Amino acid sequence: MTHPIYTQQALSRYTLPRLKRTAAELGITPTGDKTQRQTWVNAIINHQSTQIQKLDNQTTAQAELDHHIATQGQAKRSPQNH
């Protein structure tokens, strides 16, 4: 499931009820003063940052695996120097 990416600027214009709905859609419950809009904005921004980092890590791991597989394939095709 994909979610829109929210900017700090866009979220700062949201009402508190809308921020709460957005957070609920993302499965976020902030810590801190839940009566403050900035608490919800920070929670949403932090959540997005974490999700992007996870995607970056997955992409890096996949690239490393692809490289390893390619290297192994080349080693099997190359004649041994013994």
PDB file of N, CA and C in Angstrom:
ATOM      1  N   MET A   1       0.850  -1.173   0.000  1.00  0.00           N
ATOM      2  CA  MET A   1       0.000   0.000   0.000  1.00  0.00           C
ATOM      3  C   MET A   1       0.895   1.234   0.000  1.00  0.00           C
ATOM      4  N   THR A   2       0.602   2.142  -0.875  1.00  0.00           N
ATOM      5  CA  THR A   2       1.391   3.359  -0.933  1.00  0.00           C
ATOM      6  C   THR A   2       0.603   4.515  -0.332  1.00  0.00           C
ATOM      7  N   HIS A   3       1.355   5.441   0.198  1.00  0.00           N
ATOM      8  CA  HIS A   3       0.758   6.635   0.797  1.00  0.00           C
ATOM      9  C   HIS A   3       1.401   7.846   0.154  1.00  0.00           C
ATOM     10  N   PRO A   4       0.673   8.959   0.118  1.00  0.00           N
ATOM     11  CA  PRO A   4       1.303  10.181  -0.390  1.00  0.00           C
ATOM     12  C   PRO A   4       2.451  10.603   0.519  1.00  0.00           C
ATOM     13  N   ILE A   5       3.361  11.361  -0.035  1.00  0.00           N
ATOM     14  CA  ILE A   5       4.458  11.905   0.764  1.00  0.00           C
ATOM     15  C   ILE A   5       4.062  13.327   1.155  1.00  0.00           C
ATOM     16  N   TYR A   6       4.119  13.567   2.448  1.00  0.00           N
ATOM     17  CA  TYR A   6       3.721  14.863   2.981  1.00  0.00           C
ATOM     18  C   TYR A   6       4.958  15.693   3.304  1.00  0.00           C
ATOM     19  N   THR A   7       4.906  16.964   2.950  1.00  0.00           N
ATOM     20  CA  THR A   7       5.994  17.870   3.299  1.00  0.00           C
ATOM     21  C   THR A   7       5.658  18.578   4.599  1.00  0.00           C
ATOM     22  N   GLN A   8       6.690  19.056   5.253  1.00  0.00           N
ATOM     23  CA  GLN A   8       6.513  19.829   6.492  1.00  0.00           C
ATOM     24  C   GLN A   8       5.600  21.022   6.220  1.00  0.00           C
ATOM     25  N   GLN A   9       5.828  21.680   5.100  1.00  0.00           N
ATOM     26  CA  GLN A   9       5.052  22.870   4.753  1.00  0.00           C
ATOM     27  C   GLN A   9       3.573  22.533   4.553  1.00  0.00           C
ATOM     28  N   ALA A  10       3.293  21.448   3.831  1.00  0.00           N
ATOM     29  CA  ALA A  10       1.899  21.062   3.589  1.00  0.00           C
ATOM     30  C   ALA A  10       1.219  20.665   4.894  1.00  0.00           C
ATOM     31  N   LEU A  11       1.910  19.869   5.713  1.00  0.00           N
ATOM     32  CA  LEU A  11       1.320  19.423   6.972  1.00  0.00           C
ATOM     33  C   LEU A  11       1.058  20.587   7.919  1.00  0.00           C
ATOM     34  N   SER A  12       1.882  21.614   7.864  1.00  0.00           N
ATOM     35  CA  SER A  12       1.704  22.748   8.769  1.00  0.00           C
ATOM     36  C   SER A  12       0.408  23.507   8.491  1.00  0.00           C
ATOM     37  N   ARG A  13      -0.170  23.296   7.313  1.00  0.00           N
ATOM     38  CA  ARG A  13      -1.438  23.945   6.976  1.00  0.00           C
ATOM     39  C   ARG A  13      -2.649  23.102   7.372  1.00  0.00           C
ATOM     40  N   TYR A  14      -2.429  21.858   7.766  1.00  0.00           N
ATOM     41  CA  TYR A  14      -3.529  20.968   8.124  1.00  0.00           C
ATOM     42  C   TYR A  14      -4.096  21.333   9.496  1.00  0.00           C
ATOM     43  N   THR A  15      -5.389  21.106   9.644  1.00  0.00           N
ATOM     44  CA  THR A  15      -6.019  21.269  10.961  1.00  0.00           C
ATOM     45  C   THR A  15      -5.631  20.068  11.827  1.00  0.00           C
ATOM     46  N   LEU A  16      -5.805  20.201  13.121  1.00  0.00           N
ATOM     47  CA  LEU A  16      -5.479  19.104  14.033  1.00  0.00           C
ATOM     48  C   LEU A  16      -6.277  17.842  13.691  1.00  0.00           C
ATOM     49  N   PRO A  17      -7.592  17.940  13.462  1.00  0.00           N
ATOM     50  CA  PRO A  17      -8.335  16.722  13.108  1.00  0.00           C
ATOM     51  C   PRO A  17      -7.813  16.059  11.826  1.00  0.00           C
ATOM     52  N   ARG A  18      -7.427  16.876  10.846  1.00  0.00           N
ATOM     53  CA  ARG A  18      -6.899  16.304   9.604  1.00  0.00           C
ATOM     54  C   ARG A  18      -5.546  15.646   9.842  1.00  0.00           C
ATOM     55  N   LEU A  19      -4.701  16.249  10.658  1.00  0.00           N
ATOM     56  CA  LEU A  19      -3.415  15.642  10.991  1.00  0.00           C
ATOM     57  C   LEU A  19      -3.628  14.300  11.688  1.00  0.00           C
ATOM     58  N   LYS A  20      -4.610  14.248  12.585  1.00  0.00           N
ATOM     59  CA  LYS A  20      -4.904  13.004  13.296  1.00  0.00           C
ATOM     60  C   LYS A  20      -5.397  11.930  12.331  1.00  0.00           C
ATOM     61  N   ARG A  21      -6.231  12.301  11.371  1.00  0.00           N
ATOM     62  CA  ARG A  21      -6.715  11.346  10.364  1.00  0.00           C
ATOM     63  C   ARG A  21      -5.561  10.833   9.514  1.00  0.00           C
ATOM     64  N   THR A  22      -4.697  11.751   9.096  1.00  0.00           N
ATOM     65  CA  THR A  22      -3.550  11.377   8.284  1.00  0.00           C
ATOM     66  C   THR A  22      -2.648  10.423   9.047  1.00  0.00           C
ATOM     67  N   ALA A  23      -2.391  10.731  10.298  1.00  0.00           N
ATOM     68  CA  ALA A  23      -1.557   9.866  11.131  1.00  0.00           C
ATOM     69  C   ALA A  23      -2.210   8.494  11.294  1.00  0.00           C
ATOM     70  N   ALA A  24      -3.505   8.467  11.501  1.00  0.00           N
ATOM     71  CA  ALA A  24      -4.216   7.196  11.655  1.00  0.00           C
ATOM     72  C   ALA A  24      -4.104   6.356  10.385  1.00  0.00           C
ATOM     73  N   GLU A  25      -4.216   6.993   9.227  1.00  0.00           N
ATOM     74  CA  GLU A  25      -4.074   6.287   7.952  1.00  0.00           C
ATOM     75  C   GLU A  25      -2.692   5.662   7.809  1.00  0.00           C
ATOM     76  N   LEU A  26      -1.699   6.312   8.382  1.00  0.00           N
ATOM     77  CA  LEU A  26      -0.319   5.825   8.310  1.00  0.00           C
ATOM     78  C   LEU A  26       0.021   4.884   9.470  1.00  0.00           C
ATOM     79  N   GLY A  27      -0.908   4.733  10.405  1.00  0.00           N
ATOM     80  CA  GLY A  27      -0.675   3.874  11.560  1.00  0.00           C
ATOM     81  C   GLY A  27       0.263   4.485  12.590  1.00  0.00           C
ATOM     82  N   ILE A  28       0.200   5.800  12.713  1.00  0.00           N
ATOM     83  CA  ILE A  28       1.105   6.535  13.608  1.00  0.00           C
ATOM     84  C   ILE A  28       0.355   7.027  14.839  1.00  0.00           C
ATOM     85  N   THR A  29       0.976   6.849  15.993  1.00  0.00           N
ATOM     86  CA  THR A  29       0.515   7.472  17.229  1.00  0.00           C
ATOM     87  C   THR A  29       1.703   8.229  17.800  1.00  0.00           C
ATOM     88  N   PRO A  30       1.655   9.547  17.799  1.00  0.00           N
ATOM     89  CA  PRO A  30       2.817  10.307  18.271  1.00  0.00           C
ATOM     90  C   PRO A  30       2.983  10.238  19.784  1.00  0.00           C
ATOM     91  N   THR A  31       4.189  10.539  20.204  1.00  0.00           N
ATOM     92  CA  THR A  31       4.447  10.709  21.628  1.00  0.00           C
ATOM     93  C   THR A  31       4.508  12.209  21.877  1.00  0.00           C
ATOM     94  N   GLY A  32       4.239  12.604  23.072  1.00  0.00           N
ATOM     95  CA  GLY A  32       4.250  14.033  23.377  1.00  0.00           C
ATOM     96  C   GLY A  32       2.847  14.571  23.515  1.00  0.00           C
ATOM     97  N   ASP A  33       2.742  15.877  23.436  1.00  0.00           N
ATOM     98  CA  ASP A  33       1.474  16.576  23.633  1.00  0.00           C
ATOM     99  C   ASP A  33       0.601  16.426  22.388  1.00  0.00           C
ATOM    100  N   LYS A  34      -0.395  15.569  22.477  1.00  0.00           N
ATOM    101  CA  LYS A  34      -1.252  15.273  21.327  1.00  0.00           C
ATOM    102  C   LYS A  34      -2.258  16.385  21.029  1.00  0.00           C
ATOM    103  N   THR A  35      -2.237  17.441  21.833  1.00  0.00           N
ATOM    104  CA  THR A  35      -3.118  18.577  21.554  1.00  0.00           C
ATOM    105  C   THR A  35      -2.422  19.598  20.658  1.00  0.00           C
ATOM    106  N   GLN A  36      -1.141  19.396  20.397  1.00  0.00           N
ATOM    107  CA  GLN A  36      -0.360  20.328  19.577  1.00  0.00           C
ATOM    108  C   GLN A  36      -0.219  19.805  18.147  1.00  0.00           C
ATOM    109  N   ARG A  37      -0.538  20.641  17.185  1.00  0.00           N
ATOM    110  CA  ARG A  37      -0.411  20.242  15.779  1.00  0.00           C
ATOM    111  C   ARG A  37       1.017  19.825  15.451  1.00  0.00           C
ATOM    112  N   GLN A  38       2.004  20.527  15.987  1.00  0.00           N
ATOM    113  CA  GLN A  38       3.395  20.235  15.655  1.00  0.00           C
ATOM    114  C   GLN A  38       3.797  18.823  16.081  1.00  0.00           C
ATOM    115  N   THR A  39       3.219  18.315  17.156  1.00  0.00           N
ATOM    116  CA  THR A  39       3.492  16.943  17.590  1.00  0.00           C
ATOM    117  C   THR A  39       3.099  15.957  16.496  1.00  0.00           C
ATOM    118  N   TRP A  40       1.946  16.176  15.897  1.00  0.00           N
ATOM    119  CA  TRP A  40       1.451  15.298  14.844  1.00  0.00           C
ATOM    120  C   TRP A  40       2.261  15.468  13.568  1.00  0.00           C
ATOM    121  N   VAL A  41       2.598  16.716  13.234  1.00  0.00           N
ATOM    122  CA  VAL A  41       3.436  16.974  12.051  1.00  0.00           C
ATOM    123  C   VAL A  41       4.768  16.246  12.197  1.00  0.00           C
ATOM    124  N   ASN A  42       5.407  16.396  13.355  1.00  0.00           N
ATOM    125  CA  ASN A  42       6.703  15.753  13.572  1.00  0.00           C
ATOM    126  C   ASN A  42       6.595  14.231  13.473  1.00  0.00           C
ATOM    127  N   ALA A  43       5.539  13.680  14.028  1.00  0.00           N
ATOM    128  CA  ALA A  43       5.359  12.224  13.986  1.00  0.00           C
ATOM    129  C   ALA A  43       5.223  11.731  12.549  1.00  0.00           C
ATOM    130  N   ILE A  44       4.460  12.448  11.736  1.00  0.00           N
ATOM    131  CA  ILE A  44       4.270  12.053  10.335  1.00  0.00           C
ATOM    132  C   ILE A  44       5.581  12.173   9.563  1.00  0.00           C
ATOM    133  N   ILE A  45       6.279  13.283   9.746  1.00  0.00           N
ATOM    134  CA  ILE A  45       7.563  13.484   9.055  1.00  0.00           C
ATOM    135  C   ILE A  45       8.566  12.421   9.482  1.00  0.00           C
ATOM    136  N   ASN A  46       8.659  12.135  10.780  1.00  0.00           N
ATOM    137  CA  ASN A  46       9.594  11.113  11.262  1.00  0.00           C
ATOM    138  C   ASN A  46       9.249   9.735  10.719  1.00  0.00           C
ATOM    139  N   HIS A  47       7.971   9.433  10.664  1.00  0.00           N
ATOM    140  CA  HIS A  47       7.532   8.141  10.126  1.00  0.00           C
ATOM    141  C   HIS A  47       7.951   8.007   8.658  1.00  0.00           C
ATOM    142  N   GLN A  48       7.706   9.048   7.886  1.00  0.00           N
ATOM    143  CA  GLN A  48       8.092   9.015   6.471  1.00  0.00           C
ATOM    144  C   GLN A  48       9.592   8.829   6.316  1.00  0.00           C
ATOM    145  N   SER A  49      10.351   9.514   7.131  1.00  0.00           N
ATOM    146  CA  SER A  49      11.803   9.406   7.071  1.00  0.00           C
ATOM    147  C   SER A  49      12.249   7.975   7.341  1.00  0.00           C
ATOM    148  N   THR A  50      11.636   7.345   8.332  1.00  0.00           N
ATOM    149  CA  THR A  50      11.960   5.953   8.666  1.00  0.00           C
ATOM    150  C   THR A  50      11.621   5.025   7.511  1.00  0.00           C
ATOM    151  N   GLN A  51      10.483   5.252   6.888  1.00  0.00           N
ATOM    152  CA  GLN A  51      10.068   4.403   5.777  1.00  0.00           C
ATOM    153  C   GLN A  51      11.014   4.555   4.589  1.00  0.00           C
ATOM    154  N   ILE A  52      11.440   5.768   4.314  1.00  0.00           N
ATOM    155  CA  ILE A  52      12.372   6.011   3.211  1.00  0.00           C
ATOM    156  C   ILE A  52      13.703   5.338   3.502  1.00  0.00           C
ATOM    157  N   GLN A  53      14.168   5.401   4.744  1.00  0.00           N
ATOM    158  CA  GLN A  53      15.426   4.748   5.127  1.00  0.00           C
ATOM    159  C   GLN A  53      15.325   3.237   4.928  1.00  0.00           C
ATOM    160  N   LYS A  54      14.175   2.644   5.275  1.00  0.00           N
ATOM    161  CA  LYS A  54      13.984   1.211   5.076  1.00  0.00           C
ATOM    162  C   LYS A  54      14.062   0.862   3.595  1.00  0.00           C
ATOM    163  N   LEU A  55      13.441   1.683   2.761  1.00  0.00           N
ATOM    164  CA  LEU A  55      13.486   1.439   1.323  1.00  0.00           C
ATOM    165  C   LEU A  55      14.905   1.567   0.792  1.00  0.00           C
ATOM    166  N   ASP A  56      15.648   2.563   1.272  1.00  0.00           N
ATOM    167  CA  ASP A  56      17.040   2.729   0.864  1.00  0.00           C
ATOM    168  C   ASP A  56      17.863   1.508   1.250  1.00  0.00           C
ATOM    169  N   ASN A  57      17.656   0.996   2.458  1.00  0.00           N
ATOM    170  CA  ASN A  57      18.382  -0.187   2.920  1.00  0.00           C
ATOM    171  C   ASN A  57      18.028  -1.410   2.089  1.00  0.00           C
ATOM    172  N   GLN A  58      16.756  -1.572   1.745  1.00  0.00           N
ATOM    173  CA  GLN A  58      16.336  -2.702   0.918  1.00  0.00           C
ATOM    174  C   GLN A  58      16.946  -2.607  -0.473  1.00  0.00           C
ATOM    175  N   THR A  59      16.975  -1.397  -1.026  1.00  0.00           N
ATOM    176  CA  THR A  59      17.556  -1.202  -2.350  1.00  0.00           C
ATOM    177  C   THR A  59      19.044  -1.526  -2.343  1.00  0.00           C
ATOM    178  N   THR A  60      19.736  -1.076  -1.306  1.00  0.00           N
ATOM    179  CA  THR A  60      21.168  -1.360  -1.179  1.00  0.00           C
ATOM    180  C   THR A  60      21.408  -2.855  -1.037  1.00  0.00           C
ATOM    181  N   ALA A  61      20.637  -3.520  -0.207  1.00  0.00           N
ATOM    182  CA  ALA A  61      20.801  -4.963  -0.011  1.00  0.00           C
ATOM    183  C   ALA A  61      20.530  -5.723  -1.304  1.00  0.00           C
ATOM    184  N   GLN A  62      19.519  -5.307  -2.055  1.00  0.00           N
ATOM    185  CA  GLN A  62      19.210  -5.973  -3.314  1.00  0.00           C
ATOM    186  C   GLN A  62      20.336  -5.776  -4.321  1.00  0.00           C
ATOM    187  N   ALA A  63      20.901  -4.576  -4.373  1.00  0.00           N
ATOM    188  CA  ALA A  63      22.013  -4.312  -5.284  1.00  0.00           C
ATOM    189  C   ALA A  63      23.230  -5.155  -4.912  1.00  0.00           C
ATOM    190  N   GLU A  64      23.501  -5.294  -3.612  1.00  0.00           N
ATOM    191  CA  GLU A  64      24.619  -6.126  -3.173  1.00  0.00           C
ATOM    192  C   GLU A  64      24.388  -7.590  -3.533  1.00  0.00           C
ATOM    193  N   LEU A  65      23.164  -8.077  -3.359  1.00  0.00           N
ATOM    194  CA  LEU A  65      22.843  -9.449  -3.720  1.00  0.00           C
ATOM    195  C   LEU A  65      22.992  -9.661  -5.222  1.00  0.00           C
ATOM    196  N   ASP A  66      22.465  -8.736  -6.008  1.00  0.00           N
ATOM    197  CA  ASP A  66      22.596  -8.829  -7.463  1.00  0.00           C
ATOM    198  C   ASP A  66      24.059  -8.872  -7.886  1.00  0.00           C
ATOM    199  N   HIS A  67      24.881  -8.043  -7.265  1.00  0.00           N
ATOM    200  CA  HIS A  67      26.317  -8.012  -7.576  1.00  0.00           C
ATOM    201  C   HIS A  67      26.964  -9.345  -7.205  1.00  0.00           C
ATOM    202  N   HIS A  68      26.619  -9.875  -6.046  1.00  0.00           N
ATOM    203  CA  HIS A  68      27.175 -11.150  -5.600  1.00  0.00           C
ATOM    204  C   HIS A  68      26.802 -12.265  -6.571  1.00  0.00           C
ATOM    205  N   ILE A  69      25.543 -12.314  -6.984  1.00  0.00           N
ATOM    206  CA  ILE A  69      25.083 -13.341  -7.927  1.00  0.00           C
ATOM    207  C   ILE A  69      25.816 -13.204  -9.253  1.00  0.00           C
ATOM    208  N   ALA A  70      25.961 -11.978  -9.729  1.00  0.00           N
ATOM    209  CA  ALA A  70      26.676 -11.756 -10.992  1.00  0.00           C
ATOM    210  C   ALA A  70      28.134 -12.184 -10.872  1.00  0.00           C
ATOM    211  N   THR A  71      28.771 -11.873  -9.750  1.00  0.00           N
ATOM    212  CA  THR A  71      30.165 -12.252  -9.528  1.00  0.00           C
ATOM    213  C   THR A  71      30.308 -13.770  -9.482  1.00  0.00           C
ATOM    214  N   GLN A  72      29.387 -14.434  -8.815  1.00  0.00           N
ATOM    215  CA  GLN A  72      29.428 -15.893  -8.741  1.00  0.00           C
ATOM    216  C   GLN A  72      29.234 -16.511 -10.121  1.00  0.00           C
ATOM    217  N   GLY A  73      28.339 -15.931 -10.889  1.00  0.00           N
ATOM    218  CA  GLY A  73      28.108 -16.429 -12.259  1.00  0.00           C
ATOM    219  C   GLY A  73      29.348 -16.273 -13.124  1.00  0.00           C
ATOM    220  N   GLN A  74      30.063 -15.158 -12.980  1.00  0.00           N
ATOM    221  CA  GLN A  74      31.283 -14.940 -13.751  1.00  0.00           C
ATOM    222  C   GLN A  74      32.379 -15.904 -13.305  1.00  0.00           C
ATOM    223  N   ALA A  75      32.460 -16.171 -12.019  1.00  0.00           N
ATOM    224  CA  ALA A  75      33.490 -17.074 -11.502  1.00  0.00           C
ATOM    225  C   ALA A  75      33.285 -18.489 -12.027  1.00  0.00           C
ATOM    226  N   LYS A  76      32.047 -18.919 -12.174  1.00  0.00           N
ATOM    227  CA  LYS A  76      31.754 -20.261 -12.686  1.00  0.00           C
ATOM    228  C   LYS A  76      32.083 -20.382 -14.174  1.00  0.00           C
ATOM    229  N   ARG A  77      31.962 -19.270 -14.902  1.00  0.00           N
ATOM    230  CA  ARG A  77      32.249 -19.292 -16.333  1.00  0.00           C
ATOM    231  C   ARG A  77      33.723 -19.120 -16.638  1.00  0.00           C
ATOM    232  N   SER A  78      34.484 -18.558 -15.707  1.00  0.00           N
ATOM    233  CA  SER A  78      35.911 -18.310 -15.928  1.00  0.00           C
ATOM    234  C   SER A  78      36.710 -19.577 -15.699  1.00  0.00           C
ATOM    235  N   PRO A  79      37.744 -19.812 -16.538  1.00  0.00           N
ATOM    236  CA  PRO A  79      38.601 -20.980 -16.296  1.00  0.00           C
ATOM    237  C   PRO A  79      39.431 -20.776 -15.034  1.00  0.00           C
ATOM    238  N   GLN A  80      39.650 -21.847 -14.311  1.00  0.00           N
ATOM    239  CA  GLN A  80      40.439 -21.791 -13.093  1.00  0.00           C
ATOM    240  C   GLN A  80      41.925 -21.713 -13.440  1.00  0.00           C
ATOM    241  N   ASN A  81      42.682 -20.902 -12.721  1.00  0.00           N
ATOM    242  CA  ASN A  81      44.114 -20.758 -12.917  1.00  0.00           C
ATOM    243  C   ASN A  81      44.841 -21.550 -11.854  1.00  0.00           C
ATOM    244  N   HIS A  82      44.914 -22.870 -11.999  1.00  0.00           N
ATOM    245  CA  HIS A  82      45.632 -23.727 -11.047  1.00  0.00           C
ATOM    246  C   HIS A  82      46.758 -24.419 -11.728  1.00  0.00           C
TER     247      HIS A  82
END
